[in-house]
Every structure is written in structure tokens, then in C-alpha cells.
Amino acid sequence: MKTKKGYVSKIRVLKMSRTPLVCFSLNNENCLIAAHSLNFLADVDENMQVVVAGEFNDRKQFVVKKYSVIGKTKIMIEFEAMQKDLSLN
């Protein structure tokens, strides 16, 4: 299994199903994620830094099996923003 580190861009859902197929770019390289794709959508936003592990398919797309966000996830950022809003009221 190969690992890559970089910044995420162009997140889009290609196929909605029980396990959605999500496509994104990592340093301008096309990546696909099906396993854990719902968690990925909740955790990762554009311009976030991640480390991914997976393999290339026949179309030279990197198929992600595992990922990790470097720094705070999208849910963490939104939760902290919500807490700040509540404390201001």
C-alpha cells in the first residue's frame, strides 16, 4: 500500500449509494474513496491537509483505503464554532 500527503481540493460525490463513491484531488492527483466515504465527507473540507493510503487502479486513479486528517477535522472546527456562538449568547 502506498501513502500520499497533501491538500484536498475538488471534492465531489460521483455515485450515491449505501457507500457513496467520492472523488477528490490531492495535490492535483485524482483520488477515489468508497470505504469510509461518509466519514471522509464529514471530516474533510477543501484545502485541508490529509494523509491517505491506498493503491492505483487501471485508470491511474488513487483508490484510498485509509485516510487521516492533519490538524482539526471539519466536524471539530464546526463544533468549536458552535460552542463559541453559544458562549456569546
C-alpha atoms as a PDB file:
ATOM      1  CA  MET A   1       0.000   0.000   0.000  1.00  0.00           C
ATOM      2  CA  LYS A   2       1.254   3.455  -0.931  1.00  0.00           C
ATOM      3  CA  THR A   3       0.831   6.618   1.130  1.00  0.00           C
ATOM      4  CA  LYS A   4       0.443  10.211  -0.019  1.00  0.00           C
ATOM      5  CA  LYS A   5       0.263  13.502   1.846  1.00  0.00           C
ATOM      6  CA  GLY A   6      -1.203  16.722   0.534  1.00  0.00           C
ATOM      7  CA  TYR A   7      -4.008  19.247   0.318  1.00  0.00           C
ATOM      8  CA  VAL A   8      -7.524  18.254  -0.750  1.00  0.00           C
ATOM      9  CA  SER A   9      -9.453  20.055  -3.480  1.00  0.00           C
ATOM     10  CA  LYS A  10     -12.395  19.427  -5.824  1.00  0.00           C
ATOM     11  CA  ILE A  11     -14.412  17.121  -3.531  1.00  0.00           C
ATOM     12  CA  ARG A  12     -17.463  15.690  -5.311  1.00  0.00           C
ATOM     13  CA  VAL A  13     -19.807  12.721  -4.926  1.00  0.00           C
ATOM     14  CA  LEU A  14     -19.775  10.561  -8.058  1.00  0.00           C
ATOM     15  CA  LYS A  15     -22.329   7.962  -7.029  1.00  0.00           C
ATOM     16  CA  MET A  16     -24.884   7.978  -4.228  1.00  0.00           C
ATOM     17  CA  SER A  17     -25.478   4.527  -2.764  1.00  0.00           C
ATOM     18  CA  ARG A  18     -25.164   2.768   0.572  1.00  0.00           C
ATOM     19  CA  THR A  19     -21.459   3.556   0.357  1.00  0.00           C
ATOM     20  CA  PRO A  20     -21.110   6.686  -1.817  1.00  0.00           C
ATOM     21  CA  LEU A  21     -18.218   6.989  -4.248  1.00  0.00           C
ATOM     22  CA  VAL A  22     -16.352  10.245  -3.644  1.00  0.00           C
ATOM     23  CA  CYS A  23     -13.742  11.773  -5.929  1.00  0.00           C
ATOM     24  CA  PHE A  24     -11.247  14.425  -4.862  1.00  0.00           C
ATOM     25  CA  SER A  25      -7.891  15.821  -5.863  1.00  0.00           C
ATOM     26  CA  LEU A  26      -4.826  15.541  -3.666  1.00  0.00           C
ATOM     27  CA  ASN A  27      -2.094  17.861  -4.937  1.00  0.00           C
ATOM     28  CA  ASN A  28      -3.758  17.749  -8.390  1.00  0.00           C
ATOM     29  CA  GLU A  29      -3.838  13.924  -8.451  1.00  0.00           C
ATOM     30  CA  ASN A  30      -7.239  12.215  -8.822  1.00  0.00           C
ATOM     31  CA  CYS A  31      -8.299  10.076  -5.859  1.00  0.00           C
ATOM     32  CA  LEU A  32     -11.361   7.926  -5.176  1.00  0.00           C
ATOM     33  CA  ILE A  33     -12.751   6.792  -1.847  1.00  0.00           C
ATOM     34  CA  ALA A  34     -15.651   4.400  -1.281  1.00  0.00           C
ATOM     35  CA  ALA A  35     -14.686   2.767   2.017  1.00  0.00           C
ATOM     36  CA  HIS A  36     -15.364   5.309   4.789  1.00  0.00           C
ATOM     37  CA  SER A  37     -16.573   7.876   2.238  1.00  0.00           C
ATOM     38  CA  LEU A  38     -19.327   9.239   4.520  1.00  0.00           C
ATOM     39  CA  ASN A  39     -16.793   9.779   7.289  1.00  0.00           C
ATOM     40  CA  PHE A  40     -14.478  11.415   4.751  1.00  0.00           C
ATOM     41  CA  LEU A  41     -17.222  13.872   3.732  1.00  0.00           C
ATOM     42  CA  ALA A  42     -17.840  14.726   7.401  1.00  0.00           C
ATOM     43  CA  ASP A  43     -14.143  15.067   8.288  1.00  0.00           C
ATOM     44  CA  VAL A  44     -12.541  16.718   5.255  1.00  0.00           C
ATOM     45  CA  ASP A  45     -13.119  20.039   3.530  1.00  0.00           C
ATOM     46  CA  GLU A  46     -11.366  21.790   0.654  1.00  0.00           C
ATOM     47  CA  ASN A  47      -7.760  22.890   1.408  1.00  0.00           C
ATOM     48  CA  MET A  48      -7.361  20.551   4.402  1.00  0.00           C
ATOM     49  CA  GLN A  49      -4.154  18.551   4.705  1.00  0.00           C
ATOM     50  CA  VAL A  50      -4.545  14.764   4.792  1.00  0.00           C
ATOM     51  CA  VAL A  51      -2.509  11.575   4.573  1.00  0.00           C
ATOM     52  CA  VAL A  52      -4.044   8.780   2.502  1.00  0.00           C
ATOM     53  CA  ALA A  53      -3.109   5.144   1.959  1.00  0.00           C
ATOM     54  CA  GLY A  54      -4.198   3.014  -0.987  1.00  0.00           C
ATOM     55  CA  GLU A  55      -3.338   1.750  -4.465  1.00  0.00           C
ATOM     56  CA  PHE A  56      -3.614   2.943  -8.066  1.00  0.00           C
ATOM     57  CA  ASN A  57      -6.319   1.410 -10.272  1.00  0.00           C
ATOM     58  CA  ASP A  58      -6.098   0.745 -14.040  1.00  0.00           C
ATOM     59  CA  ARG A  59      -7.174   4.325 -14.809  1.00  0.00           C
ATOM     60  CA  LYS A  60      -4.285   5.770 -12.782  1.00  0.00           C
ATOM     61  CA  GLN A  61      -6.670   6.956 -10.048  1.00  0.00           C
ATOM     62  CA  PHE A  62      -5.502   6.558  -6.470  1.00  0.00           C
ATOM     63  CA  VAL A  63      -8.071   4.406  -4.621  1.00  0.00           C
ATOM     64  CA  VAL A  64      -7.986   5.396  -0.939  1.00  0.00           C
ATOM     65  CA  LYS A  65      -8.394   2.668   1.679  1.00  0.00           C
ATOM     66  CA  LYS A  66      -7.438   4.746   4.749  1.00  0.00           C
ATOM     67  CA  TYR A  67      -7.104   8.450   5.446  1.00  0.00           C
ATOM     68  CA  SER A  68      -6.142  10.741   8.300  1.00  0.00           C
ATOM     69  CA  VAL A  69      -6.650  14.479   8.666  1.00  0.00           C
ATOM     70  CA  ILE A  70      -3.641  16.511   9.780  1.00  0.00           C
ATOM     71  CA  GLY A  71      -4.926  19.011  12.311  1.00  0.00           C
ATOM     72  CA  LYS A  72      -8.586  19.512  13.123  1.00  0.00           C
ATOM     73  CA  THR A  73     -11.345  17.758  11.193  1.00  0.00           C
ATOM     74  CA  LYS A  74     -14.283  19.639   9.690  1.00  0.00           C
ATOM     75  CA  ILE A  75     -16.586  18.369  12.462  1.00  0.00           C
ATOM     76  CA  MET A  76     -14.172  19.615  15.158  1.00  0.00           C
ATOM     77  CA  ILE A  77     -13.985  23.068  13.547  1.00  0.00           C
ATOM     78  CA  GLU A  78     -17.781  23.313  13.241  1.00  0.00           C
ATOM     79  CA  PHE A  79     -18.283  22.107  16.834  1.00  0.00           C
ATOM     80  CA  GLU A  80     -15.848  24.703  18.199  1.00  0.00           C
ATOM     81  CA  ALA A  81     -17.554  27.439  16.167  1.00  0.00           C
ATOM     82  CA  MET A  82     -20.934  26.358  17.537  1.00  0.00           C
ATOM     83  CA  GLN A  83     -19.596  26.455  21.123  1.00  0.00           C
ATOM     84  CA  LYS A  84     -18.253  29.976  20.567  1.00  0.00           C
ATOM     85  CA  ASP A  85     -21.644  31.094  19.237  1.00  0.00           C
ATOM     86  CA  LEU A  86     -23.390  29.629  22.277  1.00  0.00           C
ATOM     87  CA  SER A  87     -20.978  31.261  24.719  1.00  0.00           C
ATOM     88  CA  LEU A  88     -21.543  34.678  23.095  1.00  0.00           C
ATOM     89  CA  ASN A  89     -25.314  34.480  23.713  1.00  0.00           C
END
